[in-house]
Structures are given as C-alpha cells and as structure tokens.
PDB file of N, CA and C in Angstrom:
ATOM      1  N   MET A   1     125.710 205.681 170.968  1.00  0.00           N
ATOM      2  CA  MET A   1     125.408 204.985 169.934  1.00  0.00           C
ATOM      3  C   MET A   1     124.262 204.207 170.260  1.00  0.00           C
ATOM      4  N   ALA A   2     123.973 203.739 171.422  1.00  0.00           N
ATOM      5  CA  ALA A   2     122.608 202.891 171.554  1.00  0.00           C
ATOM      6  C   ALA A   2     121.378 203.885 171.149  1.00  0.00           C
ATOM      7  N   ALA A   3     121.399 205.110 171.482  1.00  0.00           N
ATOM      8  CA  ALA A   3     120.270 205.982 171.113  1.00  0.00           C
ATOM      9  C   ALA A   3     120.040 205.954 169.761  1.00  0.00           C
ATOM     10  N   LYS A   4     121.133 206.210 169.045  1.00  0.00           N
ATOM     11  CA  LYS A   4     121.266 206.454 167.671  1.00  0.00           C
ATOM     12  C   LYS A   4     120.546 205.141 166.996  1.00  0.00           C
ATOM     13  N   LEU A   5     121.136 204.009 167.513  1.00  0.00           N
ATOM     14  CA  LEU A   5     120.517 202.686 167.051  1.00  0.00           C
ATOM     15  C   LEU A   5     118.933 202.529 167.465  1.00  0.00           C
ATOM     16  N   ILE A   6     118.496 203.111 168.439  1.00  0.00           N
ATOM     17  CA  ILE A   6     117.398 202.895 168.590  1.00  0.00           C
ATOM     18  C   ILE A   6     116.424 203.686 167.959  1.00  0.00           C
ATOM     19  N   ASP A   7     116.786 204.937 167.828  1.00  0.00           N
ATOM     20  CA  ASP A   7     116.082 205.809 166.769  1.00  0.00           C
ATOM     21  C   ASP A   7     116.050 205.127 165.266  1.00  0.00           C
ATOM     22  N   LEU A   8     117.105 204.715 164.747  1.00  0.00           N
ATOM     23  CA  LEU A   8     117.051 204.017 163.774  1.00  0.00           C
ATOM     24  C   LEU A   8     116.129 202.836 163.550  1.00  0.00           C
ATOM     25  N   ILE A   9     116.269 202.210 164.434  1.00  0.00           N
ATOM     26  CA  ILE A   9     114.972 200.871 164.517  1.00  0.00           C
ATOM     27  C   ILE A   9     113.813 201.628 164.405  1.00  0.00           C
ATOM     28  N   GLU A  10     113.415 202.351 165.261  1.00  0.00           N
ATOM     29  CA  GLU A  10     112.011 203.016 165.172  1.00  0.00           C
ATOM     30  C   GLU A  10     111.881 203.479 164.185  1.00  0.00           C
ATOM     31  N   ALA A  11     112.651 204.383 163.511  1.00  0.00           N
ATOM     32  CA  ALA A  11     112.214 204.892 161.902  1.00  0.00           C
ATOM     33  C   ALA A  11     112.067 203.670 160.794  1.00  0.00           C
ATOM     34  N   LEU A  12     112.944 202.701 161.128  1.00  0.00           N
ATOM     35  CA  LEU A  12     112.735 201.641 160.224  1.00  0.00           C
ATOM     36  C   LEU A  12     111.371 200.818 160.470  1.00  0.00           C
ATOM     37  N   ARG A  13     111.069 200.807 161.564  1.00  0.00           N
ATOM     38  CA  ARG A  13     109.733 200.194 161.933  1.00  0.00           C
ATOM     39  C   ARG A  13     108.559 200.943 161.611  1.00  0.00           C
ATOM     40  N   GLN A  14     108.629 202.261 161.502  1.00  0.00           N
ATOM     41  CA  GLN A  14     107.693 203.351 161.118  1.00  0.00           C
ATOM     42  C   GLN A  14     107.774 202.897 159.569  1.00  0.00           C
ATOM     43  N   ALA A  15     108.868 203.090 158.783  1.00  0.00           N
ATOM     44  CA  ALA A  15     108.500 203.004 157.402  1.00  0.00           C
ATOM     45  C   ALA A  15     107.928 201.907 156.819  1.00  0.00           C
ATOM     46  N   MET A  16     108.595 200.518 157.650  1.00  0.00           N
ATOM     47  CA  MET A  16     107.984 199.371 157.287  1.00  0.00           C
ATOM     48  C   MET A  16     106.222 199.628 157.303  1.00  0.00           C
ATOM     49  N   HIS A  17     105.929 199.992 158.560  1.00  0.00           N
ATOM     50  CA  HIS A  17     104.341 200.041 158.748  1.00  0.00           C
ATOM     51  C   HIS A  17     103.682 200.962 157.687  1.00  0.00           C
ATOM     52  N   ALA A  18     104.347 202.123 157.393  1.00  0.00           N
ATOM     53  CA  ALA A  18     103.773 203.049 156.343  1.00  0.00           C
ATOM     54  C   ALA A  18     103.927 202.352 154.981  1.00  0.00           C
ATOM     55  N   LEU A  19     104.720 201.809 154.588  1.00  0.00           N
ATOM     56  CA  LEU A  19     105.010 200.976 153.232  1.00  0.00           C
ATOM     57  C   LEU A  19     103.702 199.536 153.399  1.00  0.00           C
ATOM     58  N   TYR A  20     103.348 199.336 154.330  1.00  0.00           N
ATOM     59  CA  TYR A  20     102.565 198.238 154.518  1.00  0.00           C
ATOM     60  C   TYR A  20     100.991 198.903 154.197  1.00  0.00           C
ATOM     61  N   GLU A  21     100.827 200.020 154.747  1.00  0.00           N
ATOM     62  CA  GLU A  21      99.521 200.807 154.813  1.00  0.00           C
ATOM     63  C   GLU A  21      99.360 201.484 153.242  1.00  0.00           C
ATOM     64  N   TYR A  22     100.470 201.609 152.778  1.00  0.00           N
ATOM     65  CA  TYR A  22     100.345 202.261 151.448  1.00  0.00           C
ATOM     66  C   TYR A  22     100.172 201.218 150.388  1.00  0.00           C
ATOM     67  N   GLY A  23     100.260 200.028 150.786  1.00  0.00           N
ATOM     68  CA  GLY A  23     100.109 199.007 149.916  1.00  0.00           C
ATOM     69  C   GLY A  23     101.254 198.632 148.956  1.00  0.00           C
ATOM     70  N   ALA A  24     102.564 198.896 149.417  1.00  0.00           N
ATOM     71  CA  ALA A  24     103.751 198.824 148.488  1.00  0.00           C
ATOM     72  C   ALA A  24     103.911 197.189 148.368  1.00  0.00           C
ATOM     73  N   PRO A  25     104.823 197.223 147.281  1.00  0.00           N
ATOM     74  CA  PRO A  25     104.904 195.731 147.025  1.00  0.00           C
ATOM     75  C   PRO A  25     105.480 194.896 148.237  1.00  0.00           C
ATOM     76  N   GLN A  26     105.571 193.581 148.328  1.00  0.00           N
ATOM     77  CA  GLN A  26     105.865 192.794 149.233  1.00  0.00           C
ATOM     78  C   GLN A  26     107.450 192.883 149.198  1.00  0.00           C
ATOM     79  N   SER A  27     108.085 193.051 148.250  1.00  0.00           N
ATOM     80  CA  SER A  27     109.646 193.175 148.216  1.00  0.00           C
ATOM     81  C   SER A  27     110.291 194.366 148.890  1.00  0.00           C
ATOM     82  N   GLN A  28     109.389 195.449 148.798  1.00  0.00           N
ATOM     83  CA  GLN A  28     109.925 196.715 149.483  1.00  0.00           C
ATOM     84  C   GLN A  28     109.886 196.231 151.007  1.00  0.00           C
ATOM     85  N   ILE A  29     108.668 195.985 151.306  1.00  0.00           N
ATOM     86  CA  ILE A  29     108.539 195.702 152.836  1.00  0.00           C
ATOM     87  C   ILE A  29     109.617 194.977 153.435  1.00  0.00           C
ATOM     88  N   MET A  30     110.183 193.704 152.513  1.00  0.00           N
ATOM     89  CA  MET A  30     110.783 192.832 152.982  1.00  0.00           C
ATOM     90  C   MET A  30     112.376 193.462 153.213  1.00  0.00           C
ATOM     91  N   ALA A  31     112.574 194.361 152.076  1.00  0.00           N
ATOM     92  CA  ALA A  31     113.801 195.031 152.373  1.00  0.00           C
ATOM     93  C   ALA A  31     113.888 195.952 153.486  1.00  0.00           C
ATOM     94  N   ILE A  32     112.891 196.483 153.927  1.00  0.00           N
ATOM     95  CA  ILE A  32     113.024 197.093 155.064  1.00  0.00           C
ATOM     96  C   ILE A  32     113.016 196.367 156.235  1.00  0.00           C
ATOM     97  N   SER A  33     112.321 195.155 156.152  1.00  0.00           N
ATOM     98  CA  SER A  33     112.292 194.013 157.336  1.00  0.00           C
ATOM     99  C   SER A  33     113.876 193.726 157.661  1.00  0.00           C
ATOM    100  N   VAL A  34     114.486 193.333 156.671  1.00  0.00           N
ATOM    101  CA  VAL A  34     115.833 192.960 156.608  1.00  0.00           C
ATOM    102  C   VAL A  34     116.652 193.877 157.314  1.00  0.00           C
ATOM    103  N   LEU A  35     116.560 195.178 156.898  1.00  0.00           N
ATOM    104  CA  LEU A  35     117.535 196.279 157.613  1.00  0.00           C
ATOM    105  C   LEU A  35     116.977 196.314 159.146  1.00  0.00           C
ATOM    106  N   LEU A  36     115.768 196.196 159.245  1.00  0.00           N
ATOM    107  CA  LEU A  36     115.189 196.424 160.720  1.00  0.00           C
ATOM    108  C   LEU A  36     116.079 195.349 161.426  1.00  0.00           C
ATOM    109  N   ASP A  37     115.931 193.739 160.892  1.00  0.00           N
ATOM    110  CA  ASP A  37     116.544 192.717 161.734  1.00  0.00           C
ATOM    111  C   ASP A  37     117.886 192.927 161.936  1.00  0.00           C
ATOM    112  N   TYR A  38     118.694 193.616 160.773  1.00  0.00           N
ATOM    113  CA  TYR A  38     120.061 193.798 161.098  1.00  0.00           C
ATOM    114  C   TYR A  38     120.427 194.673 162.062  1.00  0.00           C
ATOM    115  N   TYR A  39     119.903 195.771 162.292  1.00  0.00           N
ATOM    116  CA  TYR A  39     119.992 196.628 163.249  1.00  0.00           C
ATOM    117  C   TYR A  39     119.473 196.648 164.531  1.00  0.00           C
ATOM    118  N   ILE A  40     118.522 195.353 164.839  1.00  0.00           N
ATOM    119  CA  ILE A  40     118.067 195.167 166.041  1.00  0.00           C
ATOM    120  C   ILE A  40     119.255 194.054 166.614  1.00  0.00           C
ATOM    121  N   VAL A  41     119.816 193.244 165.611  1.00  0.00           N
ATOM    122  CA  VAL A  41     120.776 192.431 166.096  1.00  0.00           C
ATOM    123  C   VAL A  41     122.235 193.304 166.417  1.00  0.00           C
ATOM    124  N   ARG A  42     122.387 194.162 165.584  1.00  0.00           N
ATOM    125  CA  ARG A  42     123.435 195.120 166.117  1.00  0.00           C
ATOM    126  C   ARG A  42     123.241 195.672 167.262  1.00  0.00           C
ATOM    127  N   TYR A  43     122.233 196.207 167.584  1.00  0.00           N
ATOM    128  CA  TYR A  43     121.784 196.831 168.926  1.00  0.00           C
ATOM    129  C   TYR A  43     122.184 195.870 170.003  1.00  0.00           C
ATOM    130  N   GLN A  44     121.502 194.607 169.805  1.00  0.00           N
ATOM    131  CA  GLN A  44     121.637 193.633 170.890  1.00  0.00           C
ATOM    132  C   GLN A  44     123.022 193.292 171.067  1.00  0.00           C
ATOM    133  N   ARG A  45     123.923 193.342 170.035  1.00  0.00           N
ATOM    134  CA  ARG A  45     125.401 192.753 170.210  1.00  0.00           C
ATOM    135  C   ARG A  45     126.024 194.054 170.918  1.00  0.00           C
ATOM    136  N   TYR A  46     125.673 195.229 170.721  1.00  0.00           N
ATOM    137  CA  TYR A  46     126.102 196.614 171.415  1.00  0.00           C
ATOM    138  C   TYR A  46     125.761 196.407 172.952  1.00  0.00           C
ATOM    139  N   GLN A  47     124.682 195.885 173.259  1.00  0.00           N
ATOM    140  CA  GLN A  47     124.162 195.593 174.728  1.00  0.00           C
ATOM    141  C   GLN A  47     125.081 194.600 175.150  1.00  0.00           C
ATOM    142  N   LEU A  48     125.251 193.407 174.513  1.00  0.00           N
ATOM    143  CA  LEU A  48     125.900 192.538 175.173  1.00  0.00           C
ATOM    144  C   LEU A  48     127.396 192.609 175.396  1.00  0.00           C
ATOM    145  N   ALA A  49     127.950 193.596 174.428  1.00  0.00           N
ATOM    146  CA  ALA A  49     129.386 193.943 174.663  1.00  0.00           C
ATOM    147  C   ALA A  49     129.705 194.674 175.894  1.00  0.00           C
ATOM    148  N   THR A  50     128.611 195.744 175.937  1.00  0.00           N
ATOM    149  CA  THR A  50     128.589 196.799 177.111  1.00  0.00           C
ATOM    150  C   THR A  50     128.449 195.933 178.426  1.00  0.00           C
ATOM    151  N   TRP A  51     127.556 194.962 178.436  1.00  0.00           N
ATOM    152  CA  TRP A  51     127.428 194.296 179.627  1.00  0.00           C
ATOM    153  C   TRP A  51     128.587 193.294 180.066  1.00  0.00           C
ATOM    154  N   GLN A  52     129.283 192.990 178.990  1.00  0.00           N
ATOM    155  CA  GLN A  52     130.354 192.129 179.065  1.00  0.00           C
ATOM    156  C   GLN A  52     131.417 193.013 179.685  1.00  0.00           C
ATOM    157  N   ARG A  53     131.464 194.268 179.055  1.00  0.00           N
ATOM    158  CA  ARG A  53     132.802 195.196 179.839  1.00  0.00           C
ATOM    159  C   ARG A  53     132.447 195.415 181.296  1.00  0.00           C
ATOM    160  N   GLU A  54     131.091 195.600 181.433  1.00  0.00           N
ATOM    161  CA  GLU A  54     130.790 195.853 182.934  1.00  0.00           C
ATOM    162  C   GLU A  54     131.296 194.889 183.832  1.00  0.00           C
ATOM    163  N   GLN A  55     130.905 193.768 183.332  1.00  0.00           N
ATOM    164  CA  GLN A  55     131.258 192.335 184.073  1.00  0.00           C
ATOM    165  C   GLN A  55     132.769 192.259 184.526  1.00  0.00           C
ATOM    166  N   ASN A  56     133.391 192.513 183.086  1.00  0.00           N
ATOM    167  CA  ASN A  56     134.918 192.399 183.441  1.00  0.00           C
ATOM    168  C   ASN A  56     135.627 193.267 184.092  1.00  0.00           C
ATOM    169  N   ALA A  57     134.856 194.440 184.457  1.00  0.00           N
ATOM    170  CA  ALA A  57     135.461 195.486 185.309  1.00  0.00           C
ATOM    171  C   ALA A  57     135.294 195.313 186.802  1.00  0.00           C
ATOM    172  N   ARG A  58     134.326 194.406 187.042  1.00  0.00           N
ATOM    173  CA  ARG A  58     134.352 193.991 188.514  1.00  0.00           C
ATOM    174  C   ARG A  58     135.104 193.127 188.872  1.00  0.00           C
TER     175      ARG A  58
END
C-alpha cells in the first residue's frame, strides 16, 4: 500500500507542476494541491500505524 501511495503522491505532484507550467487556472492547481495534501496525510497515517504496530509487537 505504501508504494501505491508514494506513486500517487508523485503523480499528483507532477500533475500540479504541469498545470502550473501550462498556465492552468488557479482553481485547478488548488484542486490538485488539496488531493496531494490528502494523500500525503494518508501516507503519514499509514506510516504511523505501521510504526505503532511494530512498537506494540515488541
């Protein structure tokens, strides 16, 4: 799951950069930015849950 989230985050980052370079409306760039933030937080929560499981296993 982590690899898929990382790939998705990178794809969103590249899309946001391409929209900016293309001169897309700010609203489109912000929409991608919101998705990017959401998936970064989701990935961080996944990492935290994994770390907590490892700690509890000790």
